[in-house]
Amino acid sequence: MTAALPDWLGRTFGRRPADLAPFERALTHGSQAAENYERLEFLGDRVLGLVVAEWLWELFPNEPEGHLSKRLNALVTGATCAEVARELGVRDHLRLGKQARDDGASNSDNILGDVMEALIGAWYREAGLDGARAFIRSAWRERVQRGDKAPQHPKSALQEWAAAAGRRAPEYQVVDRSGPHHAPRFTIQVRIGSFAEASATGTNKQEAETAAAKALLDKLRT
């Protein structure tokens, strides 16, 4: 672990943790050690969901549950967590096995998103809910827009388009899987019967399906 870790944690969370061990574990991939980020990720995922849900409930007092859910889903997705991780410099502190590093795992949305959630879990254990809330609201601030319309998930939007047009419901199929186990790449094809189709690739099935739905929507709207 780099000697700069305590300083980076201090800048990231506002103060140095009293115990570095949970943060070292949060930054450790399974290719490096058996004691890795997975348990802390489990905890951090729930803390992130709670804090963002509470935040949205406060920011948008007149929105119905469905709109709040759309906002929540967009803010806590693995891709969004990975974006935050990159902005904070998480990649410089990852602990990866040699093969995983050679395979590009340090740039994997799956891994960076999981590590970001694990760091939230570690900070929650260190600083409590108030500390976790303060960190998340700072790190996610630019992504929560007070007056913006709730985002429509591409898969939901495509489903609604097909229903309104009297077409069959979209069908998703994995057409290719490549890459190592820790950094897979999925290619998904989405079809609306024989009427239209599109494909996209992502680091997990959900990400690839979302990208494929967006690609087909863009095609249908042009």
Protein backbone atom coordinates (compact mmCIF):
# COMPACT_ATOMS: atom_id res chain seq x y z
CA MET A 1 0.00 0.00 0.00
CA THR A 2 1.36 3.39 -0.97
CA ALA A 3 2.72 5.54 1.85
CA ALA A 4 0.52 8.36 0.56
CA LEU A 5 -2.66 6.52 1.54
CA PRO A 6 -3.23 8.31 4.90
CA ASP A 7 -2.83 11.72 3.25
CA TRP A 8 -5.18 10.77 0.40
CA LEU A 9 -7.80 9.48 2.82
CA GLY A 10 -7.50 12.69 4.82
CA ARG A 11 -8.11 14.80 1.71
CA THR A 12 -10.93 12.56 0.51
CA PHE A 13 -12.89 12.25 3.75
CA GLY A 14 -11.88 15.44 5.54
CA ARG A 15 -9.66 13.78 8.15
CA ARG A 16 -7.42 10.76 8.47
CA PRO A 17 -9.18 7.63 9.76
CA ALA A 18 -8.18 6.39 13.18
CA ASP A 19 -7.85 2.86 11.77
CA LEU A 20 -6.40 2.42 8.27
CA ALA A 21 -7.03 -1.34 8.07
CA PRO A 22 -10.67 -1.19 6.84
CA PHE A 23 -9.68 1.27 4.11
CA GLU A 24 -6.79 -0.92 3.01
CA ARG A 25 -9.25 -3.79 2.80
CA ALA A 26 -11.75 -1.62 0.88
CA LEU A 27 -9.07 -0.98 -1.74
CA THR A 28 -8.04 -4.64 -2.04
CA HIS A 29 -9.31 -6.78 -4.92
CA GLY A 30 -9.81 -10.52 -4.60
CA SER A 31 -6.88 -11.13 -6.96
CA GLN A 32 -4.57 -9.62 -4.33
CA ALA A 33 -5.81 -11.10 -1.05
CA ALA A 34 -8.58 -13.21 0.43
CA GLU A 35 -9.50 -10.34 2.73
CA ASN A 36 -10.86 -7.99 0.10
CA TYR A 37 -13.50 -5.30 -0.38
CA GLU A 38 -16.57 -7.52 -0.80
CA ARG A 39 -18.02 -7.35 2.73
CA LEU A 40 -17.46 -3.61 3.00
CA GLU A 41 -19.01 -3.17 -0.44
CA PHE A 42 -22.14 -4.95 0.81
CA LEU A 43 -22.39 -2.45 3.67
CA GLY A 44 -21.48 0.64 1.65
CA ASP A 45 -24.05 -0.13 -1.03
CA ARG A 46 -26.83 0.04 1.58
CA VAL A 47 -25.44 3.20 3.18
CA LEU A 48 -25.20 4.93 -0.20
CA GLY A 49 -28.76 3.97 -1.09
CA LEU A 50 -30.12 5.25 2.23
CA VAL A 51 -28.24 8.56 2.12
CA VAL A 52 -29.17 9.31 -1.48
CA ALA A 53 -32.81 8.33 -0.92
CA GLU A 54 -33.00 10.64 2.09
CA TRP A 55 -31.30 13.43 0.12
CA LEU A 56 -33.70 13.13 -2.82
CA TRP A 57 -36.69 13.01 -0.46
CA GLU A 58 -35.55 16.36 0.96
CA LEU A 59 -34.64 17.99 -2.36
CA PHE A 60 -37.78 17.06 -4.29
CA PRO A 61 -40.69 17.27 -1.80
CA ASN A 62 -43.36 17.33 -4.52
CA GLU A 63 -42.16 14.42 -6.63
CA PRO A 64 -43.95 11.03 -6.54
CA GLU A 65 -42.20 7.84 -5.61
CA GLY A 66 -41.70 6.78 -9.21
CA HIS A 67 -39.70 9.89 -10.09
CA LEU A 68 -37.62 9.63 -6.95
CA SER A 69 -36.84 6.01 -7.78
CA LYS A 70 -35.60 7.02 -11.23
CA ARG A 71 -33.30 9.59 -9.70
CA LEU A 72 -32.06 7.11 -7.10
CA ASN A 73 -31.34 4.41 -9.66
CA ALA A 74 -29.31 6.82 -11.80
CA LEU A 75 -27.25 8.05 -8.84
CA VAL A 76 -26.29 4.74 -7.22
CA THR A 77 -25.57 2.67 -10.32
CA GLY A 78 -22.15 1.03 -10.54
CA ALA A 79 -21.14 3.25 -13.45
CA THR A 80 -21.86 6.38 -11.41
CA CYS A 81 -19.91 5.03 -8.43
CA ALA A 82 -17.01 4.29 -10.79
CA GLU A 83 -17.11 7.87 -12.11
CA VAL A 84 -16.90 9.22 -8.56
CA ALA A 85 -14.05 6.82 -7.79
CA ARG A 86 -12.06 8.09 -10.78
CA GLU A 87 -12.66 11.71 -9.79
CA LEU A 88 -11.38 11.02 -6.26
CA GLY A 89 -8.26 9.22 -7.44
CA VAL A 90 -9.19 5.76 -6.19
CA ARG A 91 -7.31 4.06 -9.04
CA ASP A 92 -3.95 5.19 -7.64
CA HIS A 93 -4.56 3.25 -4.41
CA LEU A 94 -6.08 -0.01 -5.65
CA ARG A 95 -4.43 -3.26 -4.56
CA LEU A 96 -4.61 -5.68 -7.48
CA GLY A 97 -2.91 -8.93 -8.33
CA LYS A 98 -0.42 -8.75 -11.19
CA GLN A 99 -2.67 -10.51 -13.70
CA ALA A 100 -5.65 -8.35 -12.82
CA ARG A 101 -3.55 -5.20 -13.19
CA ASP A 102 -2.15 -6.40 -16.52
CA ASP A 103 -5.71 -7.08 -17.70
CA GLY A 104 -6.75 -3.49 -17.01
CA ALA A 105 -8.80 -4.12 -13.88
CA SER A 106 -7.84 -0.69 -12.52
CA ASN A 107 -10.13 0.87 -15.12
CA SER A 108 -13.04 -1.56 -14.73
CA ASP A 109 -16.36 0.08 -13.87
CA ASN A 110 -17.31 -3.06 -11.95
CA ILE A 111 -14.23 -2.95 -9.72
CA LEU A 112 -14.09 0.83 -9.26
CA GLY A 113 -17.80 0.96 -8.45
CA ASP A 114 -17.49 -1.83 -5.91
CA VAL A 115 -14.43 -0.24 -4.31
CA MET A 116 -16.21 3.11 -4.04
CA GLU A 117 -19.05 1.43 -2.16
CA ALA A 118 -16.53 -0.40 0.04
CA LEU A 119 -14.85 2.89 0.93
CA ILE A 120 -18.25 4.30 1.89
CA GLY A 121 -18.77 1.24 4.09
CA ALA A 122 -15.39 1.75 5.74
CA TRP A 123 -16.07 5.44 6.33
CA TYR A 124 -19.50 4.65 7.77
CA ARG A 125 -17.83 2.33 10.28
CA GLU A 126 -15.29 5.04 11.10
CA ALA A 127 -17.46 8.17 11.19
CA GLY A 128 -21.04 6.93 11.55
CA LEU A 129 -24.04 7.87 9.47
CA ASP A 130 -23.48 11.61 9.81
CA GLY A 131 -19.94 11.26 8.49
CA ALA A 132 -21.06 9.02 5.61
CA ARG A 133 -23.84 11.45 4.75
CA ALA A 134 -21.43 14.40 4.64
CA PHE A 135 -19.00 12.55 2.39
CA ILE A 136 -21.65 11.29 -0.04
CA ARG A 137 -23.32 14.68 -0.33
CA SER A 138 -19.96 16.23 -1.13
CA ALA A 139 -18.83 13.58 -3.62
CA TRP A 140 -22.21 13.30 -5.39
CA ARG A 141 -23.17 17.00 -5.21
CA GLU A 142 -22.69 17.79 -8.91
CA ARG A 143 -24.87 14.83 -9.90
CA VAL A 144 -27.91 15.90 -7.92
CA GLN A 145 -29.61 18.75 -9.74
CA ARG A 146 -32.35 20.40 -7.73
CA GLY A 147 -34.64 21.48 -10.57
CA ASP A 148 -33.94 18.91 -13.27
CA LYS A 149 -36.57 16.49 -14.52
CA ALA A 150 -36.17 12.98 -13.15
CA PRO A 151 -34.12 10.94 -15.63
CA GLN A 152 -35.87 8.22 -17.58
CA HIS A 153 -33.93 4.97 -17.61
CA PRO A 154 -33.26 3.94 -21.24
CA LYS A 155 -34.78 0.48 -20.76
CA SER A 156 -37.99 1.96 -19.34
CA ALA A 157 -38.10 4.58 -22.08
CA LEU A 158 -37.68 1.92 -24.77
CA GLN A 159 -40.39 -0.22 -23.19
CA GLU A 160 -42.76 2.77 -23.19
CA TRP A 161 -41.87 3.63 -26.80
CA ALA A 162 -42.65 0.10 -27.96
CA ALA A 163 -45.98 0.04 -26.12
CA ALA A 164 -47.02 3.44 -27.48
CA ALA A 165 -46.10 2.36 -31.03
CA GLY A 166 -48.01 -0.91 -30.74
CA ARG A 167 -44.82 -2.93 -31.12
CA ARG A 168 -43.57 -6.03 -29.30
CA ALA A 169 -41.75 -5.56 -26.03
CA PRO A 170 -37.96 -5.24 -26.34
CA GLU A 171 -36.00 -8.48 -26.04
CA TYR A 172 -32.38 -8.56 -24.80
CA GLN A 173 -29.83 -11.22 -25.67
CA VAL A 174 -26.15 -11.71 -24.79
CA VAL A 175 -24.33 -12.10 -28.10
CA ASP A 176 -20.75 -12.06 -26.79
CA ARG A 177 -18.78 -12.28 -23.55
CA SER A 178 -15.07 -11.58 -23.51
CA GLY A 179 -12.31 -10.58 -21.14
CA PRO A 180 -11.05 -12.17 -17.91
CA HIS A 181 -13.34 -13.09 -15.02
CA HIS A 182 -12.51 -9.96 -13.01
CA ALA A 183 -12.98 -7.58 -15.97
CA PRO A 184 -15.59 -9.08 -18.33
CA ARG A 185 -17.10 -7.38 -21.36
CA PHE A 186 -20.68 -8.20 -22.39
CA THR A 187 -22.22 -7.39 -25.76
CA ILE A 188 -26.01 -7.23 -25.67
CA GLN A 189 -28.41 -7.04 -28.60
CA VAL A 190 -31.88 -5.58 -28.08
CA ARG A 191 -34.62 -6.20 -30.62
CA ILE A 192 -38.19 -5.04 -31.07
CA GLY A 193 -39.41 -7.99 -33.12
CA SER A 194 -38.08 -7.68 -36.65
CA PHE A 195 -38.73 -3.93 -36.64
CA ALA A 196 -35.46 -2.61 -35.18
CA GLU A 197 -32.37 -3.70 -33.28
CA ALA A 198 -29.17 -2.35 -31.77
CA SER A 199 -26.16 -3.65 -29.83
CA ALA A 200 -23.82 -2.27 -27.18
CA THR A 201 -21.04 -3.44 -24.88
CA GLY A 202 -20.55 -2.95 -21.15
CA THR A 203 -18.65 -4.29 -18.17
CA ASN A 204 -21.75 -6.14 -16.90
CA LYS A 205 -25.07 -7.23 -18.36
CA GLN A 206 -27.05 -4.38 -16.81
CA GLU A 207 -24.67 -1.75 -18.19
CA ALA A 208 -24.67 -3.35 -21.65
CA GLU A 209 -28.47 -3.66 -21.73
CA THR A 210 -28.81 0.00 -20.73
CA ALA A 211 -26.37 1.08 -23.44
CA ALA A 212 -28.13 -1.09 -26.05
CA ALA A 213 -31.53 0.38 -25.12
CA LYS A 214 -30.12 3.89 -25.43
CA ALA A 215 -28.58 3.07 -28.81
CA LEU A 216 -31.90 1.74 -30.11
CA LEU A 217 -33.81 4.74 -28.76
CA ASP A 218 -31.37 7.07 -30.50
CA LYS A 219 -31.89 5.13 -33.73
CA LEU A 220 -35.67 5.22 -33.42
CA ARG A 221 -35.74 8.95 -32.68
CA THR A 222 -33.63 10.01 -35.65
